[in-house]
Amino acid sequence: MIRIAFLLIFSLLFFCGCKINKPVSEISSSVSQKQETSPVDSHQSVNYSEQSTWLLGYFNQGRLKLEPHSEWFYKGYDDYQPGAEAMNSLDGIGRAGLTIKLVMGTWCPDSRREVPRFMKILDTWKFPSDLVTFIGVDNGKLSPIAGYEQLDIQRVPTFIIYKNNIEAGRIIENPVTSLEQDMVNILGGMNNNK
């Protein structure tokens, strides 16, 4: 009986404890921040480094439009104005055979800045949303999906553009020029048909 109880407690601790990736100093600072937060301004005090806010694995882009992510998503989306010249160039590039994998961490400031901008570009370009796959990662840049390691993700966000299921190029963390111009640079040399 004691062995069974010990095994149950050990199993519970093992399975619950293996997902804690934060240093103790980070955990204690987030606890003190929660204590100082008043319920009135809770939407402004979301701590995105808290694991409870992370989106992991495959997820639908609609999840970014829900709390707690909707505030940063809509602000970034609404504030971004894609460059007209690059968008005109994208309009001349065919979408046939194109798919995109978007790997991001909702805990990551770069992801929270670049993903809404990227989505604005895709919407302006009228790129079909069902051809974009969203993958959420933890702060170790790992995701609980089969075959994830093959994507070789080092930094987030990473936008992987495929043509006929072959990787055409990536935009990693920050664009070289702008997201829309980097897309033109990746796709412009390819033989695309509208």
Protein backbone atom coordinates (compact mmCIF):
# COMPACT_ATOMS: atom_id res chain seq x y z
CA MET A 1 0.00 0.00 0.00
CA ILE A 2 2.82 2.40 0.87
CA ARG A 3 4.59 1.51 -2.39
CA ILE A 4 1.48 2.27 -4.41
CA ALA A 5 1.00 5.61 -2.65
CA PHE A 6 4.69 6.43 -3.19
CA LEU A 7 4.46 5.55 -6.90
CA LEU A 8 1.33 7.67 -7.34
CA ILE A 9 2.93 10.68 -5.64
CA PHE A 10 6.18 10.24 -7.59
CA SER A 11 4.27 9.95 -10.89
CA LEU A 12 2.21 13.02 -10.11
CA LEU A 13 5.30 15.07 -9.25
CA PHE A 14 7.17 13.83 -12.30
CA PHE A 15 4.41 14.60 -14.81
CA CYS A 16 3.46 17.94 -13.27
CA GLY A 17 6.99 19.12 -12.61
CA CYS A 18 8.66 18.45 -15.95
CA LYS A 19 7.08 21.44 -17.71
CA ILE A 20 8.44 24.15 -15.43
CA ASN A 21 11.06 25.98 -17.50
CA LYS A 22 11.36 29.20 -15.54
CA PRO A 23 14.21 30.14 -13.26
CA VAL A 24 13.17 30.67 -9.64
CA SER A 25 13.83 34.42 -9.89
CA GLU A 26 11.39 34.68 -12.80
CA ILE A 27 8.72 32.71 -10.95
CA SER A 28 9.00 34.83 -7.80
CA SER A 29 8.90 38.10 -9.77
CA SER A 30 5.75 37.01 -11.63
CA VAL A 31 4.12 36.04 -8.33
CA SER A 32 4.84 39.49 -6.88
CA GLN A 33 3.49 41.11 -10.07
CA LYS A 34 0.24 39.17 -9.72
CA GLN A 35 -0.16 40.36 -6.16
CA GLU A 36 0.26 44.01 -7.20
CA THR A 37 -2.27 43.76 -10.07
CA SER A 38 -5.72 45.16 -9.47
CA PRO A 39 -8.69 43.57 -11.22
CA VAL A 40 -9.55 46.88 -12.92
CA ASP A 41 -6.42 46.96 -15.11
CA SER A 42 -5.86 43.22 -15.51
CA HIS A 43 -5.92 43.37 -19.34
CA GLN A 44 -2.93 45.71 -19.32
CA SER A 45 -0.91 43.59 -16.93
CA VAL A 46 -0.89 40.27 -18.76
CA ASN A 47 2.43 38.55 -18.21
CA TYR A 48 3.00 36.70 -21.48
CA SER A 49 5.92 34.82 -19.98
CA GLU A 50 3.36 32.94 -17.88
CA GLN A 51 2.92 29.46 -19.34
CA SER A 52 -0.85 29.70 -18.92
CA THR A 53 -0.95 32.30 -21.75
CA TRP A 54 1.10 30.29 -24.27
CA LEU A 55 -0.37 28.74 -27.39
CA LEU A 56 1.44 25.45 -28.07
CA GLY A 57 1.32 23.11 -31.03
CA TYR A 58 -1.02 23.63 -33.94
CA PHE A 59 -3.60 26.33 -33.38
CA ASN A 60 -6.17 28.27 -35.37
CA GLN A 61 -5.32 31.91 -36.12
CA GLY A 62 -8.62 32.87 -34.51
CA ARG A 63 -7.01 32.12 -31.13
CA LEU A 64 -4.88 35.26 -31.57
CA LYS A 65 -8.07 37.30 -31.74
CA LEU A 66 -9.18 36.12 -28.29
CA GLU A 67 -8.02 37.27 -24.85
CA PRO A 68 -5.32 37.56 -23.69
CA HIS A 69 -3.76 37.93 -27.17
CA SER A 70 -6.40 40.05 -28.91
CA GLU A 71 -5.09 43.36 -27.58
CA TRP A 72 -1.57 43.03 -29.03
CA PHE A 73 -2.84 41.25 -32.16
CA TYR A 74 -5.40 43.89 -33.15
CA LYS A 75 -3.10 46.78 -32.26
CA GLY A 76 -0.26 45.39 -34.40
CA TYR A 77 -2.62 44.47 -37.22
CA ASP A 78 -4.45 47.80 -37.31
CA ASP A 79 -1.32 49.94 -36.93
CA TYR A 80 0.68 48.28 -39.72
CA GLN A 81 0.56 49.67 -43.25
CA PRO A 82 2.34 47.40 -45.75
CA GLY A 83 4.51 49.17 -48.32
CA ALA A 84 2.57 49.85 -51.53
CA GLU A 85 5.45 49.02 -53.88
CA ALA A 86 6.13 45.64 -52.28
CA MET A 87 2.41 44.83 -52.17
CA ASN A 88 2.11 45.67 -55.89
CA SER A 89 4.99 43.26 -56.51
CA LEU A 90 3.28 40.58 -54.42
CA ASP A 91 0.09 41.07 -56.44
CA GLY A 92 2.10 40.11 -59.53
CA ILE A 93 3.23 36.86 -57.92
CA GLY A 94 0.99 33.85 -58.24
CA ARG A 95 -0.30 32.09 -55.15
CA ALA A 96 -0.68 28.67 -56.79
CA GLY A 97 1.15 25.97 -54.84
CA LEU A 98 2.10 28.29 -51.99
CA THR A 99 1.70 27.38 -48.32
CA ILE A 100 3.13 29.00 -45.20
CA LYS A 101 4.14 27.68 -41.79
CA LEU A 102 4.19 30.35 -39.14
CA VAL A 103 6.12 29.35 -36.00
CA MET A 104 5.75 31.71 -33.07
CA GLY A 105 5.82 32.06 -29.32
CA THR A 106 3.09 34.15 -27.74
CA TRP A 107 5.60 34.83 -24.94
CA CYS A 108 7.99 36.43 -27.48
CA PRO A 109 7.87 40.21 -28.09
CA ASP A 110 9.18 39.74 -31.66
CA SER A 111 6.33 37.31 -32.40
CA ARG A 112 3.77 39.66 -30.89
CA ARG A 113 5.12 42.46 -33.13
CA GLU A 114 5.70 40.62 -36.43
CA VAL A 115 2.83 38.10 -36.60
CA PRO A 116 0.01 40.70 -36.72
CA ARG A 117 1.94 42.57 -39.42
CA PHE A 118 2.42 39.37 -41.40
CA MET A 119 -1.28 38.57 -41.14
CA LYS A 120 -2.14 42.08 -42.38
CA ILE A 121 0.11 41.51 -45.40
CA LEU A 122 -1.51 38.15 -46.15
CA ASP A 123 -5.01 39.60 -45.82
CA THR A 124 -4.14 42.57 -48.05
CA TRP A 125 -2.64 40.13 -50.59
CA LYS A 126 -5.80 38.00 -50.25
CA PHE A 127 -3.76 34.92 -49.44
CA PRO A 128 -6.09 32.07 -48.34
CA SER A 129 -5.94 31.69 -44.56
CA ASP A 130 -6.42 27.93 -44.80
CA LEU A 131 -2.99 27.69 -46.45
CA VAL A 132 -1.27 29.11 -43.35
CA THR A 133 -0.33 26.69 -40.57
CA PHE A 134 0.20 28.19 -37.11
CA ILE A 135 2.57 26.46 -34.71
CA GLY A 136 3.06 27.69 -31.14
CA VAL A 137 6.29 27.00 -29.26
CA ASP A 138 7.40 27.27 -25.65
CA ASN A 139 10.28 29.46 -24.49
CA GLY A 140 12.70 26.65 -25.38
CA LYS A 141 11.36 26.93 -28.95
CA LEU A 142 9.88 23.44 -28.76
CA SER A 143 6.43 22.36 -29.85
CA PRO A 144 4.49 19.18 -29.07
CA ILE A 145 3.85 18.13 -32.66
CA ALA A 146 5.22 15.20 -34.63
CA GLY A 147 8.09 16.06 -36.95
CA TYR A 148 8.61 19.51 -35.43
CA GLU A 149 12.38 18.98 -35.06
CA GLN A 150 12.69 18.81 -38.85
CA LEU A 151 11.69 22.47 -39.10
CA ASP A 152 14.97 23.39 -37.32
CA ILE A 153 13.56 26.44 -35.54
CA GLN A 154 16.25 28.51 -33.84
CA ARG A 155 14.41 31.83 -33.35
CA VAL A 156 10.85 33.02 -33.44
CA PRO A 157 8.87 34.11 -35.21
CA THR A 158 9.87 32.07 -38.25
CA PHE A 159 7.79 32.33 -41.40
CA ILE A 160 8.49 29.40 -43.75
CA ILE A 161 7.20 29.82 -47.29
CA TYR A 162 6.71 26.69 -49.39
CA LYS A 163 6.15 26.33 -53.12
CA ASN A 164 4.71 22.92 -54.06
CA ASN A 165 5.72 21.58 -50.62
CA ILE A 166 9.36 22.60 -51.09
CA GLU A 167 10.76 25.33 -48.86
CA ALA A 168 11.28 28.50 -50.90
CA GLY A 169 12.65 30.58 -48.04
CA ARG A 170 12.27 31.85 -44.49
CA ILE A 171 11.87 35.10 -42.68
CA ILE A 172 13.45 34.60 -39.26
CA GLU A 173 12.72 36.79 -36.23
CA ASN A 174 13.07 40.19 -37.93
CA PRO A 175 12.74 40.94 -41.64
CA VAL A 176 15.82 42.06 -43.55
CA THR A 177 13.95 44.95 -45.22
CA SER A 178 10.24 44.57 -44.43
CA LEU A 179 8.06 41.48 -44.20
CA GLU A 180 6.36 42.23 -47.50
CA GLN A 181 9.62 43.03 -49.32
CA ASP A 182 11.29 39.91 -47.90
CA MET A 183 8.34 37.89 -49.25
CA VAL A 184 8.82 39.50 -52.68
CA ASN A 185 12.53 38.66 -52.51
CA ILE A 186 11.79 35.03 -51.64
CA LEU A 187 9.00 34.54 -54.19
CA GLY A 188 10.00 36.98 -56.92
CA GLY A 189 12.61 34.76 -58.56
CA MET A 190 10.28 31.80 -58.69
CA ASN A 191 8.18 30.90 -61.70
CA ASN A 192 4.70 31.63 -60.31
CA ASN A 193 1.39 31.67 -62.04
CA LYS A 194 -1.60 33.55 -60.65
